[in-house]
Amino acid sequence: MSRVASPPVPTAVPAVTEEDVDAVLAEFGGDARAAVRGLLNDLDTLARDHAASVSHGFVRGDLPRLLLPSRRAQIAEAGGTGSGR
């Protein structure tokens, strides 16, 4: 009986390169805090879009949500739990 060879494992390519980091910093004029703020806003938008597009019935409500601390506070003030789940 012969064994079938496993496919080669691809080498990991960094998801974010130094050029990517430089491009983001350049977009914000070199202001690192503004760059982080912009990226966090983008991440929050993507998380909200994802949460709105996934069927909670399909995942039986077991879908972790990413909530920034400021967003958790907004939810808590509105009467939600703000727990992120």
Protein backbone atom coordinates (compact mmCIF):
# COMPACT_ATOMS: atom_id res chain seq x y z
CA MET A 1 0.00 0.00 0.00
CA SER A 2 1.50 3.34 -1.01
CA ARG A 3 1.14 6.60 0.86
CA VAL A 4 -0.07 9.68 -0.90
CA ALA A 5 2.28 12.59 -0.40
CA SER A 6 0.86 15.55 1.47
CA PRO A 7 0.73 18.81 -0.44
CA PRO A 8 3.53 21.20 0.46
CA VAL A 9 2.73 23.62 3.25
CA PRO A 10 2.81 27.16 1.89
CA THR A 11 5.23 29.49 3.58
CA ALA A 12 3.57 32.22 5.57
CA VAL A 13 3.52 35.59 3.89
CA PRO A 14 3.19 38.47 6.30
CA ALA A 15 -0.32 39.88 6.07
CA VAL A 16 1.01 43.39 6.58
CA THR A 17 4.26 44.56 5.06
CA GLU A 18 6.42 47.51 6.04
CA GLU A 19 5.30 49.18 2.81
CA ASP A 20 1.69 48.85 3.98
CA VAL A 21 2.55 50.49 7.30
CA ASP A 22 4.42 53.28 5.52
CA ALA A 23 1.45 53.84 3.18
CA VAL A 24 -1.00 54.17 6.09
CA LEU A 25 1.27 56.58 7.92
CA ALA A 26 1.73 58.62 4.74
CA GLU A 27 -2.04 58.73 4.26
CA PHE A 28 -2.36 60.36 7.69
CA GLY A 29 0.55 62.74 7.19
CA GLY A 30 2.84 60.78 9.51
CA ASP A 31 0.49 61.19 12.50
CA ALA A 32 0.51 57.74 14.14
CA ARG A 33 -2.43 58.50 16.46
CA ALA A 34 -4.58 59.64 13.54
CA ALA A 35 -3.58 56.49 11.63
CA VAL A 36 -4.55 54.23 14.55
CA ARG A 37 -7.82 56.14 14.98
CA GLY A 38 -8.61 55.75 11.27
CA LEU A 39 -7.79 52.05 11.29
CA LEU A 40 -9.92 51.46 14.41
CA ASN A 41 -12.83 53.28 12.75
CA ASP A 42 -12.41 51.09 9.67
CA LEU A 43 -12.30 47.96 11.85
CA ASP A 44 -15.47 49.02 13.68
CA THR A 45 -17.25 49.62 10.36
CA LEU A 46 -16.19 46.23 9.03
CA ALA A 47 -17.30 44.51 12.25
CA ARG A 48 -20.72 46.19 12.06
CA ASP A 49 -21.11 45.28 8.38
CA HIS A 50 -20.19 41.67 9.14
CA ALA A 51 -22.56 41.45 12.08
CA ALA A 52 -25.38 42.79 9.90
CA SER A 53 -24.69 40.33 7.08
CA VAL A 54 -24.44 37.08 9.07
CA SER A 55 -27.57 35.09 9.85
CA HIS A 56 -27.72 34.83 13.62
CA GLY A 57 -30.16 31.95 13.25
CA PHE A 58 -27.58 30.07 11.21
CA VAL A 59 -24.87 30.48 13.84
CA ARG A 60 -27.40 30.13 16.68
CA GLY A 61 -26.37 33.45 18.11
CA ASP A 62 -22.87 32.14 18.83
CA LEU A 63 -21.09 34.83 16.87
CA PRO A 64 -18.49 36.81 18.81
CA ARG A 65 -18.56 40.50 18.04
CA LEU A 66 -15.63 42.83 18.16
CA LEU A 67 -16.53 45.94 20.09
CA LEU A 68 -14.13 48.71 20.84
CA PRO A 69 -14.32 49.96 24.44
CA SER A 70 -15.96 53.22 23.30
CA ARG A 71 -18.60 51.28 21.35
CA ARG A 72 -19.25 49.05 24.41
CA ALA A 73 -19.87 52.22 26.46
CA GLN A 74 -22.32 53.52 23.82
CA ILE A 75 -24.24 50.23 23.88
CA ALA A 76 -24.29 50.16 27.68
CA GLU A 77 -25.66 53.72 27.77
CA ALA A 78 -28.38 52.70 25.32
CA GLY A 79 -29.43 49.87 27.64
CA GLY A 80 -27.54 46.97 26.04
CA THR A 81 -24.99 44.74 27.72
CA GLY A 82 -21.93 45.92 25.82
CA SER A 83 -20.29 42.59 26.61
CA GLY A 84 -19.14 41.99 23.05
CA ARG A 85 -21.14 38.73 22.75
